[in-house]
């Protein structure tokens, strides 16, 4: 009887370790390809995140926010390409940068490509960092990859 108890304890201990391993490594990956247009306000993506998500975002494309037709990528420009003034939506980011948020309400935490921490739950919204969007042209092809840990074990 003692041998059976010892074997049962070893078996249960190994099952617990296996379950912990599976929980830590049970990752679901979702990929999205979205076009963000320079002449539109906040655009909702189909990508939904939560605090457990690991997000990777990449963008390709060119857009312009000036009448002089200066084209640039999603990182935007450090110096203002326009002679008309500073029309950035958020002055913490480059002129014309691709900016995103998770909260669509008034309490937005804005982030951009390469930023390491994103706080929030819900869909990702994106736009160009420019408030005068009527003269903007171009788009960014945004690739979003979300790794969510599955907790259903």
N, C-alpha and C. Protein backbone atom coordinates (compact mmCIF):
# COMPACT_ATOMS: atom_id res chain seq x y z
N UNK A 1 0.82 -1.19 0.00
CA UNK A 1 0.00 0.00 0.00
C UNK A 1 0.86 1.25 0.00
N UNK A 2 1.99 1.22 0.71
CA UNK A 2 2.89 2.36 0.77
C UNK A 2 3.48 2.67 -0.61
N UNK A 3 3.80 1.63 -1.37
CA UNK A 3 4.38 1.80 -2.71
C UNK A 3 3.36 2.46 -3.63
N UNK A 4 2.11 2.06 -3.55
CA UNK A 4 1.06 2.65 -4.38
C UNK A 4 0.89 4.12 -4.04
N UNK A 5 0.93 4.48 -2.76
CA UNK A 5 0.80 5.87 -2.32
C UNK A 5 1.96 6.70 -2.86
N UNK A 6 3.17 6.17 -2.80
CA UNK A 6 4.35 6.89 -3.31
C UNK A 6 4.23 7.09 -4.82
N UNK A 7 3.82 6.06 -5.54
CA UNK A 7 3.65 6.17 -6.99
C UNK A 7 2.57 7.19 -7.32
N UNK A 8 1.48 7.20 -6.57
CA UNK A 8 0.40 8.15 -6.80
C UNK A 8 0.87 9.59 -6.55
N UNK A 9 1.65 9.82 -5.50
CA UNK A 9 2.19 11.15 -5.20
C UNK A 9 3.11 11.61 -6.33
N UNK A 10 3.99 10.74 -6.80
CA UNK A 10 4.89 11.07 -7.91
C UNK A 10 4.08 11.39 -9.16
N UNK A 11 3.08 10.58 -9.46
CA UNK A 11 2.24 10.80 -10.63
C UNK A 11 1.52 12.15 -10.54
N UNK A 12 0.91 12.47 -9.39
CA UNK A 12 0.19 13.74 -9.22
C UNK A 12 1.14 14.92 -9.30
N UNK A 13 2.32 14.81 -8.74
CA UNK A 13 3.31 15.88 -8.79
C UNK A 13 3.71 16.14 -10.24
N UNK A 14 3.97 15.10 -10.99
CA UNK A 14 4.35 15.26 -12.40
C UNK A 14 3.20 15.83 -13.22
N UNK A 15 1.96 15.46 -12.91
CA UNK A 15 0.80 16.03 -13.61
C UNK A 15 0.68 17.52 -13.33
N UNK A 16 0.93 17.92 -12.09
CA UNK A 16 0.86 19.34 -11.74
C UNK A 16 1.92 20.12 -12.49
N UNK A 17 3.15 19.58 -12.57
CA UNK A 17 4.21 20.24 -13.33
C UNK A 17 3.85 20.32 -14.81
N UNK A 18 3.31 19.26 -15.34
CA UNK A 18 2.91 19.24 -16.74
C UNK A 18 1.81 20.26 -17.00
N UNK A 19 0.84 20.35 -16.11
CA UNK A 19 -0.24 21.32 -16.26
C UNK A 19 0.30 22.75 -16.22
N UNK A 20 1.22 23.03 -15.30
CA UNK A 20 1.85 24.36 -15.24
C UNK A 20 2.59 24.67 -16.53
N UNK A 21 3.33 23.71 -17.04
CA UNK A 21 4.05 23.90 -18.30
C UNK A 21 3.08 24.20 -19.44
N UNK A 22 1.99 23.44 -19.51
CA UNK A 22 1.01 23.65 -20.59
C UNK A 22 0.35 25.01 -20.47
N UNK A 23 0.05 25.46 -19.26
CA UNK A 23 -0.56 26.77 -19.06
C UNK A 23 0.39 27.87 -19.52
N UNK A 24 1.68 27.73 -19.20
CA UNK A 24 2.66 28.76 -19.57
C UNK A 24 2.92 28.79 -21.06
N UNK A 25 2.75 27.69 -21.73
CA UNK A 25 3.10 27.61 -23.14
C UNK A 25 1.91 27.47 -24.08
N UNK A 26 0.71 27.56 -23.55
CA UNK A 26 -0.48 27.48 -24.38
C UNK A 26 -0.79 28.88 -24.92
N UNK A 27 -0.22 29.21 -26.06
CA UNK A 27 -0.31 30.54 -26.62
C UNK A 27 -1.14 30.50 -27.90
N UNK A 28 -2.07 31.43 -28.01
CA UNK A 28 -2.85 31.58 -29.23
C UNK A 28 -2.36 32.82 -29.96
N UNK A 29 -2.07 32.68 -31.25
CA UNK A 29 -1.57 33.79 -32.06
C UNK A 29 -2.61 34.16 -33.10
N UNK A 30 -2.90 35.46 -33.16
CA UNK A 30 -3.81 35.98 -34.17
C UNK A 30 -3.06 37.03 -34.97
N UNK A 31 -3.28 37.01 -36.30
CA UNK A 31 -2.62 37.97 -37.18
C UNK A 31 -3.68 38.76 -37.94
N UNK A 32 -3.40 40.04 -38.10
CA UNK A 32 -4.32 40.92 -38.82
C UNK A 32 -3.52 41.79 -39.79
N UNK A 33 -4.09 42.04 -40.95
CA UNK A 33 -3.55 42.99 -41.92
C UNK A 33 -4.62 44.05 -42.12
N UNK A 34 -4.25 45.29 -41.85
CA UNK A 34 -5.20 46.39 -41.87
C UNK A 34 -4.58 47.56 -42.65
N UNK A 35 -5.40 48.25 -43.41
CA UNK A 35 -4.95 49.47 -44.09
C UNK A 35 -5.44 50.67 -43.29
N UNK A 36 -4.50 51.55 -42.92
CA UNK A 36 -4.83 52.78 -42.21
C UNK A 36 -4.63 53.94 -43.18
N UNK A 37 -5.68 54.71 -43.40
CA UNK A 37 -5.66 55.79 -44.39
C UNK A 37 -5.31 57.13 -43.74
N UNK A 38 -4.50 57.91 -44.43
CA UNK A 38 -4.03 59.20 -43.91
C UNK A 38 -5.12 60.24 -43.83
N UNK A 39 -6.16 60.11 -44.63
CA UNK A 39 -7.21 61.14 -44.66
C UNK A 39 -8.45 60.75 -43.85
N UNK A 40 -8.29 59.81 -42.92
CA UNK A 40 -9.40 59.40 -42.04
C UNK A 40 -9.02 59.56 -40.58
N UNK A 41 -10.02 59.82 -39.76
CA UNK A 41 -9.83 59.96 -38.32
C UNK A 41 -9.50 58.59 -37.72
N UNK A 42 -9.71 58.39 -36.44
CA UNK A 42 -9.42 57.11 -35.79
C UNK A 42 -10.10 55.97 -36.53
N UNK A 43 -9.33 54.93 -36.85
CA UNK A 43 -9.83 53.78 -37.59
C UNK A 43 -9.69 52.53 -36.72
N UNK A 44 -10.81 51.88 -36.47
CA UNK A 44 -10.82 50.69 -35.62
C UNK A 44 -10.27 49.49 -36.40
N UNK A 45 -9.37 48.76 -35.77
CA UNK A 45 -8.85 47.53 -36.37
C UNK A 45 -9.61 46.35 -35.78
N UNK A 46 -9.54 45.18 -36.41
CA UNK A 46 -10.19 44.00 -35.84
C UNK A 46 -9.38 43.37 -34.69
N UNK A 47 -8.20 43.89 -34.43
CA UNK A 47 -7.32 43.34 -33.39
C UNK A 47 -7.78 43.79 -32.01
N UNK A 48 -8.07 42.81 -31.15
CA UNK A 48 -8.52 43.10 -29.79
C UNK A 48 -7.48 42.55 -28.82
N UNK A 49 -7.09 43.39 -27.87
CA UNK A 49 -6.06 42.97 -26.92
C UNK A 49 -6.59 43.03 -25.49
N UNK A 50 -5.85 42.39 -24.60
CA UNK A 50 -6.08 42.51 -23.17
C UNK A 50 -4.72 42.60 -22.49
N UNK A 51 -4.75 42.70 -21.17
CA UNK A 51 -3.50 42.91 -20.43
C UNK A 51 -2.54 41.71 -20.51
N UNK A 52 -3.00 40.57 -20.99
CA UNK A 52 -2.15 39.39 -21.11
C UNK A 52 -1.52 39.27 -22.49
N UNK A 53 -1.81 40.20 -23.38
CA UNK A 53 -1.39 40.09 -24.77
C UNK A 53 0.03 40.60 -24.99
N UNK A 54 0.71 39.95 -25.91
CA UNK A 54 2.00 40.41 -26.40
C UNK A 54 1.77 40.82 -27.86
N UNK A 55 2.06 42.07 -28.17
CA UNK A 55 1.69 42.63 -29.47
C UNK A 55 2.93 42.99 -30.28
N UNK A 56 2.89 42.66 -31.57
CA UNK A 56 3.91 43.09 -32.52
C UNK A 56 3.19 43.80 -33.65
N UNK A 57 3.66 45.00 -33.98
CA UNK A 57 3.06 45.77 -35.06
C UNK A 57 4.14 46.25 -36.02
N UNK A 58 3.87 46.11 -37.31
CA UNK A 58 4.77 46.60 -38.35
C UNK A 58 3.92 47.31 -39.39
N UNK A 59 4.49 48.34 -40.00
CA UNK A 59 3.75 49.08 -41.03
C UNK A 59 4.64 49.29 -42.26
N UNK A 60 4.00 49.23 -43.41
CA UNK A 60 4.65 49.52 -44.69
C UNK A 60 3.77 50.47 -45.46
N UNK A 61 4.38 51.40 -46.13
CA UNK A 61 3.61 52.33 -46.95
C UNK A 61 4.16 53.73 -46.82
N UNK A 62 3.56 54.63 -47.57
CA UNK A 62 3.91 56.04 -47.52
C UNK A 62 2.65 56.86 -47.51
N UNK A 63 2.72 57.97 -46.82
CA UNK A 63 1.62 58.92 -46.85
C UNK A 63 2.16 60.32 -46.76
N UNK A 64 1.29 61.27 -47.00
CA UNK A 64 1.66 62.69 -46.99
C UNK A 64 0.59 63.46 -46.27
N UNK A 65 1.00 64.49 -45.54
CA UNK A 65 0.03 65.34 -44.84
C UNK A 65 0.21 66.80 -45.19
N UNK A 66 0.88 67.07 -46.29
CA UNK A 66 1.12 68.45 -46.69
C UNK A 66 0.71 68.68 -48.14
N UNK A 67 0.49 69.93 -48.45
CA UNK A 67 0.18 70.29 -49.83
C UNK A 67 1.40 70.16 -50.74
N UNK A 68 2.60 70.16 -50.16
CA UNK A 68 3.80 70.05 -51.00
C UNK A 68 4.13 68.60 -51.37
N UNK A 69 3.35 67.64 -50.87
CA UNK A 69 3.49 66.25 -51.28
C UNK A 69 4.65 65.49 -50.67
N UNK A 70 5.21 65.97 -49.55
CA UNK A 70 6.30 65.25 -48.89
C UNK A 70 5.78 63.91 -48.40
N UNK A 71 6.38 62.81 -48.91
CA UNK A 71 5.98 61.46 -48.51
C UNK A 71 6.92 60.92 -47.43
N UNK A 72 6.37 60.12 -46.53
CA UNK A 72 7.17 59.50 -45.47
C UNK A 72 6.46 58.24 -44.99
N UNK A 73 7.17 57.47 -44.17
CA UNK A 73 6.62 56.20 -43.68
C UNK A 73 5.93 56.39 -42.33
N UNK A 74 5.62 55.28 -41.67
CA UNK A 74 4.84 55.29 -40.43
C UNK A 74 5.55 55.93 -39.25
N UNK A 75 6.88 56.10 -39.34
CA UNK A 75 7.58 56.74 -38.23
C UNK A 75 7.40 58.25 -38.24
N UNK A 76 6.93 58.81 -39.36
CA UNK A 76 6.70 60.24 -39.44
C UNK A 76 8.00 61.02 -39.56
N UNK A 77 7.92 62.31 -39.30
CA UNK A 77 9.07 63.21 -39.43
C UNK A 77 9.29 63.99 -38.14
N UNK A 78 10.55 64.10 -37.74
CA UNK A 78 10.88 64.87 -36.53
C UNK A 78 10.59 66.35 -36.77
N UNK A 79 10.98 66.85 -37.94
CA UNK A 79 10.74 68.26 -38.25
C UNK A 79 9.44 68.40 -39.04
N UNK A 80 8.76 69.48 -38.81
CA UNK A 80 7.47 69.73 -39.45
C UNK A 80 7.65 69.96 -40.95
N UNK A 81 7.01 69.15 -41.80
CA UNK A 81 7.15 69.34 -43.24
C UNK A 81 6.25 70.44 -43.79
N UNK A 82 5.41 71.01 -42.96
CA UNK A 82 4.44 71.99 -43.41
C UNK A 82 4.81 73.39 -42.95
N UNK A 83 4.57 74.36 -43.80
CA UNK A 83 4.78 75.76 -43.44
C UNK A 83 3.56 76.34 -42.73
N UNK A 84 2.50 75.55 -42.59
CA UNK A 84 1.24 76.04 -42.04
C UNK A 84 1.15 75.96 -40.52
N UNK A 85 2.06 75.28 -39.88
CA UNK A 85 2.00 75.17 -38.42
C UNK A 85 1.98 73.72 -37.96
N UNK A 86 1.93 73.56 -36.65
CA UNK A 86 2.00 72.23 -36.03
C UNK A 86 0.58 71.69 -35.85
N UNK A 87 0.23 70.70 -36.63
CA UNK A 87 -1.11 70.11 -36.57
C UNK A 87 -1.09 68.70 -35.99
N UNK A 88 -0.08 68.37 -35.21
CA UNK A 88 -0.04 67.03 -34.63
C UNK A 88 -1.21 66.81 -33.67
N UNK A 89 -1.76 65.61 -33.71
CA UNK A 89 -2.80 65.20 -32.76
C UNK A 89 -2.17 65.08 -31.37
N UNK A 90 -0.98 64.50 -31.30
CA UNK A 90 -0.25 64.34 -30.05
C UNK A 90 1.19 64.80 -30.26
N UNK A 91 1.59 65.83 -29.56
CA UNK A 91 2.92 66.44 -29.74
C UNK A 91 4.05 65.60 -29.17
N UNK A 92 3.73 64.49 -28.54
CA UNK A 92 4.77 63.58 -28.04
C UNK A 92 5.33 62.69 -29.14
N UNK A 93 4.70 62.72 -30.33
CA UNK A 93 5.10 61.85 -31.42
C UNK A 93 5.41 62.68 -32.67
N UNK A 94 6.15 62.08 -33.58
CA UNK A 94 6.57 62.75 -34.81
C UNK A 94 5.37 63.23 -35.63
N UNK A 95 5.64 64.25 -36.45
CA UNK A 95 4.65 64.74 -37.40
C UNK A 95 4.30 63.61 -38.37
N UNK A 96 3.03 63.30 -38.51
CA UNK A 96 2.59 62.29 -39.46
C UNK A 96 2.89 60.86 -39.09
N UNK A 97 3.30 60.60 -37.86
CA UNK A 97 3.56 59.23 -37.44
C UNK A 97 2.25 58.44 -37.35
N UNK A 98 2.34 57.14 -37.51
CA UNK A 98 1.20 56.26 -37.25
C UNK A 98 1.06 56.17 -35.74
N UNK A 99 -0.08 56.61 -35.21
CA UNK A 99 -0.33 56.51 -33.78
C UNK A 99 -1.54 55.62 -33.55
N UNK A 100 -1.54 54.96 -32.41
CA UNK A 100 -2.63 54.02 -32.08
C UNK A 100 -3.03 54.18 -30.63
N UNK A 101 -4.19 53.64 -30.30
CA UNK A 101 -4.68 53.61 -28.93
C UNK A 101 -5.52 52.36 -28.76
N UNK A 102 -5.73 51.99 -27.52
CA UNK A 102 -6.63 50.87 -27.23
C UNK A 102 -7.95 51.41 -26.70
N UNK A 103 -7.92 52.52 -26.03
CA UNK A 103 -9.13 53.10 -25.48
C UNK A 103 -9.70 54.12 -26.46
N UNK A 104 -10.92 53.90 -26.90
CA UNK A 104 -11.52 54.81 -27.87
C UNK A 104 -12.18 56.02 -27.21
N UNK A 105 -12.27 56.04 -25.89
CA UNK A 105 -12.89 57.15 -25.19
C UNK A 105 -11.94 58.32 -25.02
N UNK A 106 -12.29 59.23 -24.14
CA UNK A 106 -11.48 60.44 -23.95
C UNK A 106 -10.17 60.14 -23.21
N UNK A 107 -10.09 59.02 -22.51
CA UNK A 107 -8.89 58.67 -21.76
C UNK A 107 -7.98 57.78 -22.60
N UNK A 108 -7.44 58.33 -23.68
CA UNK A 108 -6.62 57.55 -24.60
C UNK A 108 -5.17 57.51 -24.14
N UNK A 109 -4.57 56.33 -24.14
CA UNK A 109 -3.13 56.20 -24.01
C UNK A 109 -2.63 55.94 -25.42
N UNK A 110 -1.94 56.91 -25.99
CA UNK A 110 -1.50 56.80 -27.37
C UNK A 110 -0.12 56.16 -27.42
N UNK A 111 0.07 55.29 -28.40
CA UNK A 111 1.36 54.64 -28.60
C UNK A 111 1.65 54.58 -30.08
N UNK A 112 2.88 54.21 -30.40
CA UNK A 112 3.29 54.10 -31.79
C UNK A 112 4.13 52.84 -31.98
N UNK A 113 4.54 52.58 -33.18
CA UNK A 113 5.34 51.38 -33.45
C UNK A 113 6.59 51.37 -32.59
N UNK A 114 6.92 50.20 -32.08
CA UNK A 114 8.13 50.05 -31.29
C UNK A 114 7.98 50.38 -29.82
N UNK A 115 6.85 50.90 -29.40
CA UNK A 115 6.65 51.20 -27.99
C UNK A 115 6.46 49.90 -27.23
N UNK A 116 7.04 49.81 -26.06
CA UNK A 116 7.08 48.51 -25.39
C UNK A 116 5.89 48.20 -24.50
N UNK A 117 5.23 49.18 -23.93
CA UNK A 117 4.11 48.84 -23.05
C UNK A 117 2.83 49.52 -23.52
N UNK A 118 1.79 48.74 -23.57
CA UNK A 118 0.48 49.23 -23.98
C UNK A 118 -0.50 48.85 -22.89
N UNK A 119 -1.23 49.83 -22.41
CA UNK A 119 -2.18 49.58 -21.33
C UNK A 119 -3.59 49.69 -21.90
N UNK A 120 -4.40 48.69 -21.63
CA UNK A 120 -5.80 48.75 -22.04
C UNK A 120 -6.33 47.42 -22.51
N UNK A 121 -7.62 47.38 -22.63
CA UNK A 121 -8.35 46.22 -23.14
C UNK A 121 -9.28 46.68 -24.24
N UNK A 122 -9.30 45.94 -25.33
CA UNK A 122 -10.23 46.26 -26.41
C UNK A 122 -9.56 46.34 -27.75
N UNK A 123 -10.29 46.89 -28.73
CA UNK A 123 -9.74 46.97 -30.08
C UNK A 123 -8.66 48.05 -30.19
N UNK A 124 -7.74 47.84 -31.12
CA UNK A 124 -6.70 48.84 -31.41
C UNK A 124 -7.26 49.79 -32.46
N UNK A 125 -7.13 51.08 -32.21
CA UNK A 125 -7.54 52.14 -33.13
C UNK A 125 -6.28 52.86 -33.60
N UNK A 126 -6.22 53.25 -34.88
CA UNK A 126 -5.02 53.94 -35.39
C UNK A 126 -5.40 55.10 -36.31
N UNK A 127 -4.43 55.99 -36.51
CA UNK A 127 -4.59 57.15 -37.39
C UNK A 127 -3.21 57.77 -37.64
N UNK A 128 -3.18 58.77 -38.52
CA UNK A 128 -1.98 59.57 -38.73
C UNK A 128 -1.94 60.64 -37.64
N UNK A 129 -0.74 61.03 -37.22
CA UNK A 129 -0.59 62.07 -36.20
C UNK A 129 -0.70 63.45 -36.87
N UNK A 130 -1.93 63.79 -37.21
CA UNK A 130 -2.23 65.05 -37.89
C UNK A 130 -3.70 65.35 -37.66
N UNK A 131 -4.02 66.60 -37.34
CA UNK A 131 -5.42 66.96 -37.10
C UNK A 131 -6.11 67.54 -38.34
N UNK A 132 -5.34 68.00 -39.31
CA UNK A 132 -5.92 68.55 -40.54
C UNK A 132 -5.79 67.48 -41.62
N UNK A 133 -6.71 66.51 -41.64
CA UNK A 133 -6.55 65.32 -42.48
C UNK A 133 -7.16 65.44 -43.87
N UNK A 134 -7.86 66.51 -44.16
CA UNK A 134 -8.57 66.60 -45.45
C UNK A 134 -7.62 66.64 -46.65
N UNK A 135 -6.39 67.14 -46.49
CA UNK A 135 -5.44 67.20 -47.61
C UNK A 135 -4.46 66.02 -47.62
N UNK A 136 -4.64 65.07 -46.72
CA UNK A 136 -3.72 63.93 -46.61
C UNK A 136 -3.99 62.89 -47.70
N UNK A 137 -2.93 62.23 -48.13
CA UNK A 137 -3.05 61.13 -49.09
C UNK A 137 -2.14 59.99 -48.66
N UNK A 138 -2.48 58.79 -49.12
CA UNK A 138 -1.65 57.62 -48.84
C UNK A 138 -2.20 56.78 -47.71
N UNK A 139 -1.47 55.71 -47.42
CA UNK A 139 -1.92 54.77 -46.39
C UNK A 139 -0.73 53.96 -45.87
N UNK A 140 -0.98 53.27 -44.78
CA UNK A 140 -0.01 52.34 -44.18
C UNK A 140 -0.67 50.97 -44.12
N UNK A 141 0.05 49.97 -44.58
CA UNK A 141 -0.40 48.59 -44.43
C UNK A 141 0.14 48.09 -43.10
N UNK A 142 -0.75 47.95 -42.15
CA UNK A 142 -0.38 47.61 -40.78
C UNK A 142 -0.56 46.12 -40.54
N UNK A 143 0.50 45.48 -40.07
CA UNK A 143 0.44 44.07 -39.70
C UNK A 143 0.49 43.99 -38.18
N UNK A 144 -0.53 43.35 -37.61
CA UNK A 144 -0.63 43.21 -36.16
C UNK A 144 -0.60 41.73 -35.82
N UNK A 145 0.26 41.38 -34.89
CA UNK A 145 0.31 39.99 -34.39
C UNK A 145 0.11 40.05 -32.89
N UNK A 146 -0.88 39.30 -32.42
CA UNK A 146 -1.21 39.28 -30.99
C UNK A 146 -1.04 37.86 -30.47
N UNK A 147 -0.22 37.74 -29.43
CA UNK A 147 -0.06 36.47 -28.74
C UNK A 147 -0.81 36.58 -27.42
N UNK A 148 -1.83 35.75 -27.26
CA UNK A 148 -2.58 35.70 -26.02
C UNK A 148 -2.35 34.35 -25.35
N UNK A 149 -2.09 34.40 -24.07
CA UNK A 149 -2.00 33.16 -23.30
C UNK A 149 -3.40 32.64 -23.06
N UNK A 150 -3.60 31.38 -23.33
CA UNK A 150 -4.91 30.76 -23.12
C UNK A 150 -4.96 30.25 -21.67
N UNK A 151 -6.03 30.57 -20.98
CA UNK A 151 -6.15 30.17 -19.58
C UNK A 151 -7.30 29.20 -19.36
N UNK A 152 -7.58 28.39 -20.34
CA UNK A 152 -8.71 27.48 -20.20
C UNK A 152 -8.28 26.05 -19.82
N UNK A 153 -7.07 25.87 -19.36
CA UNK A 153 -6.63 24.53 -18.96
C UNK A 153 -7.03 24.23 -17.53
